[in-house]
Amino acid sequence: MADTLLDDVCGLLREAAAKVVVPMFRRLDDAEISEKAPGEVVTVADREAEQMISAGLRRLRPGSVVVGEEGVADDPELLRHVRGAGDVWLVDPIDGTSNFAAGRRPFALMVALLTDGELVASWVFDPLAGNLAAGRVGKGACLDGEAVRTTGPAPALGTLRGTANTRFLPPDTRRAVEAGGERIRELLPGQHCAGREYLDILTGAQQFVLFWRTLPWDHAPGALLVREAGGVARRFDGSDYHPADDGQGLLVAANEAVWNEVRAALLDG
């Protein structure tokens, strides 16, 4: 997929991973890890990577706005730009910070581009696994330089493998998901890294993933990639996901047939 912007941001993520993120993995001391909110940690690597990626994105699109996870933690008003005009970048410098801080994998670097409020391009990079996905609306998605498609015939429910992140689900929904999971071949607990979950749909390692919390930098990049590969990213009620939505609950699947089967099994009872 020949696309200068896609290539330029891929290069930027590789550079940030090579110069900032990977060198700090398993080399952080206690002073370099802090709690930005109850139960949520941030590291110096998150902040330095976001600064580097943000500067590079602004060079690529002068006048653009960057809405980064760490920037929003410092200034929540930045979120208003997600609905704004012009070019707006969403940046998650290290998705899976809790893993990264604990010296565990996976973690990922993620970027999405919105133009006039619409999601138009995205990137997800797992530097340890070496998987890099990129896509643009209407142009498809590529994984490690090759076009990727997740479409196919309707699978049997008992053959499906996927993830349900149940930690933040309302109790009734959690019970329904856990009960419905018995009808699925393998219901996984989650990897604490949304970027890796989306990549695993693209690679075929799993066919679906269910989330409750849907912060835009966590899900806009992967949702676009899965859609461009032939998949589905929708709210539990069937409405399409948009990064400016402040709702909760998201079911992502490799294709329409998988989405329908998993929703019926896990959410419809």
C-alpha atoms as a PDB file:
ATOM      1  CA  MET A   1       0.000   0.000   0.000  1.00  0.00           C
ATOM      2  CA  ALA A   2       1.873   3.053  -1.293  1.00  0.00           C
ATOM      3  CA  ASP A   3       0.883   6.034   0.849  1.00  0.00           C
ATOM      4  CA  THR A   4       3.335   8.706   1.948  1.00  0.00           C
ATOM      5  CA  LEU A   5       1.443   9.690   5.089  1.00  0.00           C
ATOM      6  CA  LEU A   6       1.043   6.080   6.198  1.00  0.00           C
ATOM      7  CA  ASP A   7       4.738   5.465   5.618  1.00  0.00           C
ATOM      8  CA  ASP A   8       5.815   8.653   7.395  1.00  0.00           C
ATOM      9  CA  VAL A   9       3.841   7.879  10.560  1.00  0.00           C
ATOM     10  CA  CYS A  10       5.035   4.266  10.489  1.00  0.00           C
ATOM     11  CA  GLY A  11       8.571   5.615  10.465  1.00  0.00           C
ATOM     12  CA  LEU A  12       7.807   7.972  13.324  1.00  0.00           C
ATOM     13  CA  LEU A  13       6.418   5.172  15.497  1.00  0.00           C
ATOM     14  CA  ARG A  14       9.390   2.947  14.751  1.00  0.00           C
ATOM     15  CA  GLU A  15      11.734   5.779  15.704  1.00  0.00           C
ATOM     16  CA  ALA A  16       9.923   6.527  18.966  1.00  0.00           C
ATOM     17  CA  ALA A  17       9.932   2.854  19.874  1.00  0.00           C
ATOM     18  CA  ALA A  18      13.615   2.440  19.058  1.00  0.00           C
ATOM     19  CA  LYS A  19      14.847   5.626  20.741  1.00  0.00           C
ATOM     20  CA  VAL A  20      12.529   5.961  23.737  1.00  0.00           C
ATOM     21  CA  VAL A  21      10.194   3.091  24.502  1.00  0.00           C
ATOM     22  CA  VAL A  22      12.124  -0.140  24.020  1.00  0.00           C
ATOM     23  CA  PRO A  23      15.357   1.133  25.643  1.00  0.00           C
ATOM     24  CA  MET A  24      13.391   1.890  28.829  1.00  0.00           C
ATOM     25  CA  PHE A  25      11.542  -1.429  28.933  1.00  0.00           C
ATOM     26  CA  ARG A  26      12.543  -3.327  32.095  1.00  0.00           C
ATOM     27  CA  ARG A  27      14.980  -0.513  32.924  1.00  0.00           C
ATOM     28  CA  LEU A  28      12.697   1.876  34.809  1.00  0.00           C
ATOM     29  CA  ASP A  29      13.348   2.695  38.430  1.00  0.00           C
ATOM     30  CA  ASP A  30      10.632   3.540  40.943  1.00  0.00           C
ATOM     31  CA  ALA A  31      11.090   7.273  40.474  1.00  0.00           C
ATOM     32  CA  GLU A  32      10.239   6.933  36.782  1.00  0.00           C
ATOM     33  CA  ILE A  33       6.812   5.387  37.451  1.00  0.00           C
ATOM     34  CA  SER A  34       3.969   7.346  39.043  1.00  0.00           C
ATOM     35  CA  GLU A  35       0.216   7.139  39.492  1.00  0.00           C
ATOM     36  CA  LYS A  36      -1.724   9.713  37.467  1.00  0.00           C
ATOM     37  CA  ALA A  37      -5.112   8.453  38.697  1.00  0.00           C
ATOM     38  CA  PRO A  38      -6.171   5.707  41.098  1.00  0.00           C
ATOM     39  CA  GLY A  39      -5.025   2.443  39.575  1.00  0.00           C
ATOM     40  CA  GLU A  40      -3.494   4.099  36.493  1.00  0.00           C
ATOM     41  CA  VAL A  41       0.254   4.503  36.140  1.00  0.00           C
ATOM     42  CA  VAL A  42       2.355   6.616  33.829  1.00  0.00           C
ATOM     43  CA  THR A  43       6.087   6.399  33.151  1.00  0.00           C
ATOM     44  CA  VAL A  44       8.720   8.747  31.858  1.00  0.00           C
ATOM     45  CA  ALA A  45       8.699   6.662  28.689  1.00  0.00           C
ATOM     46  CA  ASP A  46       5.010   7.500  28.093  1.00  0.00           C
ATOM     47  CA  ARG A  47       5.685  11.210  28.428  1.00  0.00           C
ATOM     48  CA  GLU A  48       8.862  11.265  26.357  1.00  0.00           C
ATOM     49  CA  ALA A  49       7.364   9.118  23.611  1.00  0.00           C
ATOM     50  CA  GLU A  50       4.255  11.303  23.439  1.00  0.00           C
ATOM     51  CA  GLN A  51       6.388  14.418  23.133  1.00  0.00           C
ATOM     52  CA  MET A  52       8.464  12.897  20.343  1.00  0.00           C
ATOM     53  CA  ILE A  53       5.500  11.480  18.421  1.00  0.00           C
ATOM     54  CA  SER A  54       3.493  14.693  18.816  1.00  0.00           C
ATOM     55  CA  ALA A  55       6.317  16.850  17.486  1.00  0.00           C
ATOM     56  CA  GLY A  56       6.709  14.557  14.473  1.00  0.00           C
ATOM     57  CA  LEU A  57       2.983  14.585  13.710  1.00  0.00           C
ATOM     58  CA  ARG A  58       2.848  18.375  13.839  1.00  0.00           C
ATOM     59  CA  ARG A  59       5.702  18.508  11.339  1.00  0.00           C
ATOM     60  CA  LEU A  60       3.784  16.196   9.021  1.00  0.00           C
ATOM     61  CA  ARG A  61       0.599  18.272   9.250  1.00  0.00           C
ATOM     62  CA  PRO A  62       1.434  21.867  10.242  1.00  0.00           C
ATOM     63  CA  GLY A  63      -1.425  23.446  12.160  1.00  0.00           C
ATOM     64  CA  SER A  64      -2.789  20.110  13.318  1.00  0.00           C
ATOM     65  CA  VAL A  65      -3.803  19.424  16.922  1.00  0.00           C
ATOM     66  CA  VAL A  66      -2.503  16.525  18.992  1.00  0.00           C
ATOM     67  CA  VAL A  67      -4.759  14.919  21.585  1.00  0.00           C
ATOM     68  CA  GLY A  68      -2.493  12.566  23.485  1.00  0.00           C
ATOM     69  CA  GLU A  69      -3.362  10.390  26.445  1.00  0.00           C
ATOM     70  CA  GLU A  70      -0.812  12.073  28.699  1.00  0.00           C
ATOM     71  CA  GLY A  71      -1.665  15.534  27.432  1.00  0.00           C
ATOM     72  CA  VAL A  72      -5.324  14.962  28.294  1.00  0.00           C
ATOM     73  CA  ALA A  73      -4.340  13.707  31.746  1.00  0.00           C
ATOM     74  CA  ASP A  74      -2.766  17.134  32.308  1.00  0.00           C
ATOM     75  CA  ASP A  75      -5.447  19.141  30.468  1.00  0.00           C
ATOM     76  CA  PRO A  76      -8.811  17.383  29.977  1.00  0.00           C
ATOM     77  CA  GLU A  77     -10.029  20.295  27.847  1.00  0.00           C
ATOM     78  CA  LEU A  78      -7.943  18.903  24.979  1.00  0.00           C
ATOM     79  CA  LEU A  79     -10.679  16.331  24.398  1.00  0.00           C
ATOM     80  CA  ARG A  80     -12.908  18.990  22.859  1.00  0.00           C
ATOM     81  CA  HIS A  81     -10.745  18.861  19.735  1.00  0.00           C
ATOM     82  CA  VAL A  82     -11.921  15.329  18.933  1.00  0.00           C
ATOM     83  CA  ARG A  83     -15.130  16.913  17.618  1.00  0.00           C
ATOM     84  CA  GLY A  84     -13.340  19.857  16.048  1.00  0.00           C
ATOM     85  CA  ALA A  85     -12.493  20.946  12.519  1.00  0.00           C
ATOM     86  CA  GLY A  86      -9.194  20.387  10.767  1.00  0.00           C
ATOM     87  CA  ASP A  87      -6.645  17.663  11.418  1.00  0.00           C
ATOM     88  CA  VAL A  88      -6.583  16.145  14.900  1.00  0.00           C
ATOM     89  CA  TRP A  89      -4.210  13.381  15.942  1.00  0.00           C
ATOM     90  CA  LEU A  90      -5.048  10.904  18.692  1.00  0.00           C
ATOM     91  CA  VAL A  91      -1.920   9.495  20.332  1.00  0.00           C
ATOM     92  CA  ASP A  92      -1.415   6.665  22.793  1.00  0.00           C
ATOM     93  CA  PRO A  93       2.362   6.648  23.259  1.00  0.00           C
ATOM     94  CA  ILE A  94       2.369   3.361  25.195  1.00  0.00           C
ATOM     95  CA  ASP A  95      -0.870   1.431  25.189  1.00  0.00           C
ATOM     96  CA  GLY A  96      -0.580  -1.121  27.961  1.00  0.00           C
ATOM     97  CA  THR A  97       1.405   1.074  30.346  1.00  0.00           C
ATOM     98  CA  SER A  98       0.634  -1.210  33.284  1.00  0.00           C
ATOM     99  CA  ASN A  99       2.314  -4.058  31.397  1.00  0.00           C
ATOM    100  CA  PHE A 100       5.231  -1.866  30.358  1.00  0.00           C
ATOM    101  CA  ALA A 101       5.810  -0.540  33.881  1.00  0.00           C
ATOM    102  CA  ALA A 102       5.763  -4.071  35.297  1.00  0.00           C
ATOM    103  CA  GLY A 103       8.211  -5.342  32.685  1.00  0.00           C
ATOM    104  CA  ARG A 104       5.546  -7.417  30.908  1.00  0.00           C
ATOM    105  CA  ARG A 105       4.443  -7.551  27.319  1.00  0.00           C
ATOM    106  CA  PRO A 106       2.426  -6.676  25.299  1.00  0.00           C
ATOM    107  CA  PHE A 107       2.351  -2.935  24.789  1.00  0.00           C
ATOM    108  CA  ALA A 108       1.865  -0.854  21.668  1.00  0.00           C
ATOM    109  CA  LEU A 109       2.251   2.620  20.191  1.00  0.00           C
ATOM    110  CA  MET A 110      -0.911   3.948  18.521  1.00  0.00           C
ATOM    111  CA  VAL A 111      -1.965   6.938  16.430  1.00  0.00           C
ATOM    112  CA  ALA A 112      -5.167   7.905  14.637  1.00  0.00           C
ATOM    113  CA  LEU A 113      -5.951  10.902  12.422  1.00  0.00           C
ATOM    114  CA  LEU A 114      -9.311  12.660  12.362  1.00  0.00           C
ATOM    115  CA  THR A 115     -10.148  15.291   9.755  1.00  0.00           C
ATOM    116  CA  ASP A 116     -13.136  17.511  10.477  1.00  0.00           C
ATOM    117  CA  GLY A 117     -14.222  15.063  13.145  1.00  0.00           C
ATOM    118  CA  GLU A 118     -14.057  11.951  10.972  1.00  0.00           C
ATOM    119  CA  LEU A 119     -11.607   9.103  11.477  1.00  0.00           C
ATOM    120  CA  VAL A 120      -9.472   8.872   8.324  1.00  0.00           C
ATOM    121  CA  ALA A 121      -6.252   6.955   9.107  1.00  0.00           C
ATOM    122  CA  SER A 122      -4.595   4.958  11.883  1.00  0.00           C
ATOM    123  CA  TRP A 123      -1.519   3.052  13.004  1.00  0.00           C
ATOM    124  CA  VAL A 124      -0.797   0.393  15.663  1.00  0.00           C
ATOM    125  CA  PHE A 125       2.736  -0.845  16.398  1.00  0.00           C
ATOM    126  CA  ASP A 126       3.792  -3.636  18.757  1.00  0.00           C
ATOM    127  CA  PRO A 127       7.573  -3.119  18.828  1.00  0.00           C
ATOM    128  CA  LEU A 128       8.453  -6.358  20.611  1.00  0.00           C
ATOM    129  CA  ALA A 129       6.390  -8.594  18.333  1.00  0.00           C
ATOM    130  CA  GLY A 130       7.342  -6.468  15.334  1.00  0.00           C
ATOM    131  CA  ASN A 131       3.750  -6.096  14.104  1.00  0.00           C
ATOM    132  CA  LEU A 132       2.903  -2.762  12.485  1.00  0.00           C
ATOM    133  CA  ALA A 133      -0.558  -2.114  11.038  1.00  0.00           C
ATOM    134  CA  ALA A 134      -1.675   0.968   9.133  1.00  0.00           C
ATOM    135  CA  GLY A 135      -4.761   1.938   7.207  1.00  0.00           C
ATOM    136  CA  ARG A 136      -6.698   4.750   5.603  1.00  0.00           C
ATOM    137  CA  VAL A 137     -10.456   5.001   5.193  1.00  0.00           C
ATOM    138  CA  GLY A 138     -11.549   3.532   1.887  1.00  0.00           C
ATOM    139  CA  LYS A 139      -8.050   2.270   1.079  1.00  0.00           C
ATOM    140  CA  GLY A 140      -7.877  -0.864   3.218  1.00  0.00           C
ATOM    141  CA  ALA A 141      -5.478  -1.925   5.944  1.00  0.00           C
ATOM    142  CA  CYS A 142      -2.033  -3.463   5.853  1.00  0.00           C
ATOM    143  CA  LEU A 143      -0.206  -5.539   8.424  1.00  0.00           C
ATOM    144  CA  ASP A 144       3.579  -5.725   8.237  1.00  0.00           C
ATOM    145  CA  GLY A 145       3.455  -4.311   4.727  1.00  0.00           C
ATOM    146  CA  GLU A 146       0.841  -6.700   3.344  1.00  0.00           C
ATOM    147  CA  ALA A 147      -2.849  -6.070   2.724  1.00  0.00           C
ATOM    148  CA  VAL A 148      -4.971  -7.854   5.308  1.00  0.00           C
ATOM    149  CA  ARG A 149      -8.601  -9.041   5.184  1.00  0.00           C
ATOM    150  CA  THR A 150     -10.650 -10.617   7.957  1.00  0.00           C
ATOM    151  CA  THR A 151     -13.766 -11.434   5.970  1.00  0.00           C
ATOM    152  CA  GLY A 152     -14.923 -15.010   5.508  1.00  0.00           C
ATOM    153  CA  PRO A 153     -17.816 -17.443   5.894  1.00  0.00           C
ATOM    154  CA  ALA A 154     -19.898 -17.552   9.048  1.00  0.00           C
ATOM    155  CA  PRO A 155     -17.981 -19.634  11.613  1.00  0.00           C
ATOM    156  CA  ALA A 156     -19.519 -22.021  14.096  1.00  0.00           C
ATOM    157  CA  LEU A 157     -19.906 -20.356  17.490  1.00  0.00           C
ATOM    158  CA  GLY A 158     -18.073 -23.206  19.195  1.00  0.00           C
ATOM    159  CA  THR A 159     -14.969 -22.564  17.088  1.00  0.00           C
ATOM    160  CA  LEU A 160     -14.547 -18.908  18.002  1.00  0.00           C
ATOM    161  CA  ARG A 161     -11.713 -17.511  20.098  1.00  0.00           C
ATOM    162  CA  GLY A 162     -11.794 -14.025  21.537  1.00  0.00           C
ATOM    163  CA  THR A 163     -11.398 -11.690  24.487  1.00  0.00           C
ATOM    164  CA  ALA A 164     -13.870 -10.197  26.936  1.00  0.00           C
ATOM    165  CA  ASN A 165     -12.439  -7.496  29.161  1.00  0.00           C
ATOM    166  CA  THR A 166     -14.925  -7.935  32.006  1.00  0.00           C
ATOM    167  CA  ARG A 167     -13.231  -5.919  34.743  1.00  0.00           C
ATOM    168  CA  PHE A 168     -15.290  -2.741  34.257  1.00  0.00           C
ATOM    169  CA  LEU A 169     -18.530  -4.308  33.008  1.00  0.00           C
ATOM    170  CA  PRO A 170     -21.712  -3.691  35.008  1.00  0.00           C
ATOM    171  CA  PRO A 171     -22.435  -6.765  37.159  1.00  0.00           C
ATOM    172  CA  ASP A 172     -25.445  -7.953  35.120  1.00  0.00           C
ATOM    173  CA  THR A 173     -23.550  -7.615  31.853  1.00  0.00           C
ATOM    174  CA  ARG A 174     -20.521  -9.375  33.305  1.00  0.00           C
ATOM    175  CA  ARG A 175     -22.631 -12.335  34.389  1.00  0.00           C
ATOM    176  CA  ALA A 176     -24.253 -12.555  30.950  1.00  0.00           C
ATOM    177  CA  VAL A 177     -20.880 -12.421  29.197  1.00  0.00           C
ATOM    178  CA  GLU A 178     -19.359 -15.064  31.449  1.00  0.00           C
ATOM    179  CA  ALA A 179     -22.346 -17.377  30.991  1.00  0.00           C
ATOM    180  CA  GLY A 180     -22.387 -16.871  27.231  1.00  0.00           C
ATOM    181  CA  GLY A 181     -18.671 -17.485  27.060  1.00  0.00           C
ATOM    182  CA  GLU A 182     -19.302 -21.148  27.819  1.00  0.00           C
ATOM    183  CA  ARG A 183     -20.713 -21.454  24.287  1.00  0.00           C
ATOM    184  CA  ILE A 184     -17.506 -20.149  22.725  1.00  0.00           C
ATOM    185  CA  ARG A 185     -14.426 -22.298  22.217  1.00  0.00           C
ATOM    186  CA  GLU A 186     -12.133 -19.953  24.128  1.00  0.00           C
ATOM    187  CA  LEU A 187     -13.045 -16.756  25.970  1.00  0.00           C
ATOM    188  CA  LEU A 188      -9.856 -14.982  27.030  1.00  0.00           C
ATOM    189  CA  PRO A 189      -9.527 -12.518  29.941  1.00  0.00           C
ATOM    190  CA  GLY A 190      -7.638  -9.794  28.059  1.00  0.00           C
ATOM    191  CA  GLN A 191      -4.043  -8.650  27.689  1.00  0.00           C
ATOM    192  CA  HIS A 192      -4.325  -5.151  29.225  1.00  0.00           C
ATOM    193  CA  CYS A 193      -3.354  -3.724  25.834  1.00  0.00           C
ATOM    194  CA  ALA A 194      -6.112  -2.780  23.400  1.00  0.00           C
ATOM    195  CA  GLY A 195      -3.629  -2.336  20.576  1.00  0.00           C
ATOM    196  CA  ARG A 196      -2.512  -5.953  20.831  1.00  0.00           C
ATOM    197  CA  GLU A 197      -6.147  -7.122  20.932  1.00  0.00           C
ATOM    198  CA  TYR A 198      -6.836  -5.324  17.649  1.00  0.00           C
ATOM    199  CA  LEU A 199      -3.662  -6.686  16.075  1.00  0.00           C
ATOM    200  CA  ASP A 200      -4.688 -10.193  17.105  1.00  0.00           C
ATOM    201  CA  ILE A 201      -7.911  -9.802  15.133  1.00  0.00           C
ATOM    202  CA  LEU A 202      -5.884  -8.758  12.090  1.00  0.00           C
ATOM    203  CA  THR A 203      -3.486 -11.696  12.456  1.00  0.00           C
ATOM    204  CA  GLY A 204      -6.317 -14.178  13.013  1.00  0.00           C
ATOM    205  CA  ALA A 205      -5.124 -15.087  16.516  1.00  0.00           C
ATOM    206  CA  GLN A 206      -8.631 -14.217  17.732  1.00  0.00           C
ATOM    207  CA  GLN A 207     -11.919 -13.325  16.086  1.00  0.00           C
ATOM    208  CA  PHE A 208     -13.401 -10.774  18.480  1.00  0.00           C
ATOM    209  CA  VAL A 209     -12.812  -8.564  21.505  1.00  0.00           C
ATOM    210  CA  LEU A 210     -15.271  -6.940  23.901  1.00  0.00           C
ATOM    211  CA  PHE A 211     -14.491  -3.763  25.851  1.00  0.00           C
ATOM    212  CA  TRP A 212     -16.379  -1.545  28.288  1.00  0.00           C
ATOM    213  CA  ARG A 213     -14.241   1.575  28.569  1.00  0.00           C
ATOM    214  CA  THR A 214     -13.640   3.248  25.200  1.00  0.00           C
ATOM    215  CA  LEU A 215     -11.248   6.176  25.504  1.00  0.00           C
ATOM    216  CA  PRO A 216     -10.594   7.507  21.980  1.00  0.00           C
ATOM    217  CA  TRP A 217      -6.838   6.914  21.834  1.00  0.00           C
ATOM    218  CA  ASP A 218      -7.364   3.317  22.961  1.00  0.00           C
ATOM    219  CA  HIS A 219      -9.884   2.392  20.273  1.00  0.00           C
ATOM    220  CA  ALA A 220      -9.946   4.784  17.308  1.00  0.00           C
ATOM    221  CA  PRO A 221      -6.714   3.357  15.813  1.00  0.00           C
ATOM    222  CA  GLY A 222      -7.714  -0.291  16.049  1.00  0.00           C
ATOM    223  CA  ALA A 223     -11.354   0.251  15.109  1.00  0.00           C
ATOM    224  CA  LEU A 224     -10.398   1.849  11.795  1.00  0.00           C
ATOM    225  CA  LEU A 225      -7.922  -0.925  10.986  1.00  0.00           C
ATOM    226  CA  VAL A 226     -10.397  -3.700  11.711  1.00  0.00           C
ATOM    227  CA  ARG A 227     -13.104  -1.997   9.660  1.00  0.00           C
ATOM    228  CA  GLU A 228     -10.780  -1.484   6.708  1.00  0.00           C
ATOM    229  CA  ALA A 229      -9.849  -5.167   6.887  1.00  0.00           C
ATOM    230  CA  GLY A 230     -13.523  -6.141   6.631  1.00  0.00           C
ATOM    231  CA  GLY A 231     -14.413  -6.262  10.307  1.00  0.00           C
ATOM    232  CA  VAL A 232     -16.941  -4.538  12.543  1.00  0.00           C
ATOM    233  CA  ALA A 233     -16.579  -2.166  15.523  1.00  0.00           C
ATOM    234  CA  ARG A 234     -19.920  -1.335  17.103  1.00  0.00           C
ATOM    235  CA  ARG A 235     -21.508  -0.422  20.389  1.00  0.00           C
ATOM    236  CA  PHE A 236     -23.486  -3.142  22.123  1.00  0.00           C
ATOM    237  CA  ASP A 237     -26.723  -1.719  20.643  1.00  0.00           C
ATOM    238  CA  GLY A 238     -25.370  -2.108  17.114  1.00  0.00           C
ATOM    239  CA  SER A 239     -24.529   1.556  16.482  1.00  0.00           C
ATOM    240  CA  ASP A 240     -21.188   2.308  14.846  1.00  0.00           C
ATOM    241  CA  TYR A 241     -18.309   3.357  17.072  1.00  0.00           C
ATOM    242  CA  HIS A 242     -17.023   6.932  16.756  1.00  0.00           C
ATOM    243  CA  PRO A 243     -14.096   8.248  18.815  1.00  0.00           C
ATOM    244  CA  ALA A 244     -16.030  11.345  19.894  1.00  0.00           C
ATOM    245  CA  ASP A 245     -18.756   9.230  21.493  1.00  0.00           C
ATOM    246  CA  ASP A 246     -18.672   9.229  25.280  1.00  0.00           C
ATOM    247  CA  GLY A 247     -20.624   5.984  25.583  1.00  0.00           C
ATOM    248  CA  GLN A 248     -19.386   2.706  26.951  1.00  0.00           C
ATOM    249  CA  GLY A 249     -19.306  -0.819  25.620  1.00  0.00           C
ATOM    250  CA  LEU A 250     -17.711  -1.896  22.342  1.00  0.00           C
ATOM    251  CA  LEU A 251     -17.735  -5.205  20.494  1.00  0.00           C
ATOM    252  CA  VAL A 252     -15.182  -5.620  17.721  1.00  0.00           C
ATOM    253  CA  ALA A 253     -15.202  -8.624  15.390  1.00  0.00           C
ATOM    254  CA  ALA A 254     -13.379  -9.934  12.352  1.00  0.00           C
ATOM    255  CA  ASN A 255     -16.516  -9.727  10.220  1.00  0.00           C
ATOM    256  CA  GLU A 256     -20.274  -9.223  10.338  1.00  0.00           C
ATOM    257  CA  ALA A 257     -21.067 -12.897  10.909  1.00  0.00           C
ATOM    258  CA  VAL A 258     -18.740 -13.116  13.915  1.00  0.00           C
ATOM    259  CA  TRP A 259     -20.131  -9.893  15.385  1.00  0.00           C
ATOM    260  CA  ASN A 260     -23.700 -11.150  15.160  1.00  0.00           C
ATOM    261  CA  GLU A 261     -22.880 -14.547  16.666  1.00  0.00           C
ATOM    262  CA  VAL A 262     -20.832 -13.128  19.535  1.00  0.00           C
ATOM    263  CA  ARG A 263     -23.365 -10.422  20.360  1.00  0.00           C
ATOM    264  CA  ALA A 264     -26.134 -13.023  20.508  1.00  0.00           C
ATOM    265  CA  ALA A 265     -24.060 -15.304  22.713  1.00  0.00           C
ATOM    266  CA  LEU A 266     -22.595 -12.766  25.124  1.00  0.00           C
ATOM    267  CA  LEU A 267     -25.054  -9.890  25.251  1.00  0.00           C
ATOM    268  CA  ASP A 268     -28.490 -11.159  24.235  1.00  0.00           C
ATOM    269  CA  GLY A 269     -28.568 -14.086  26.647  1.00  0.00           C
END
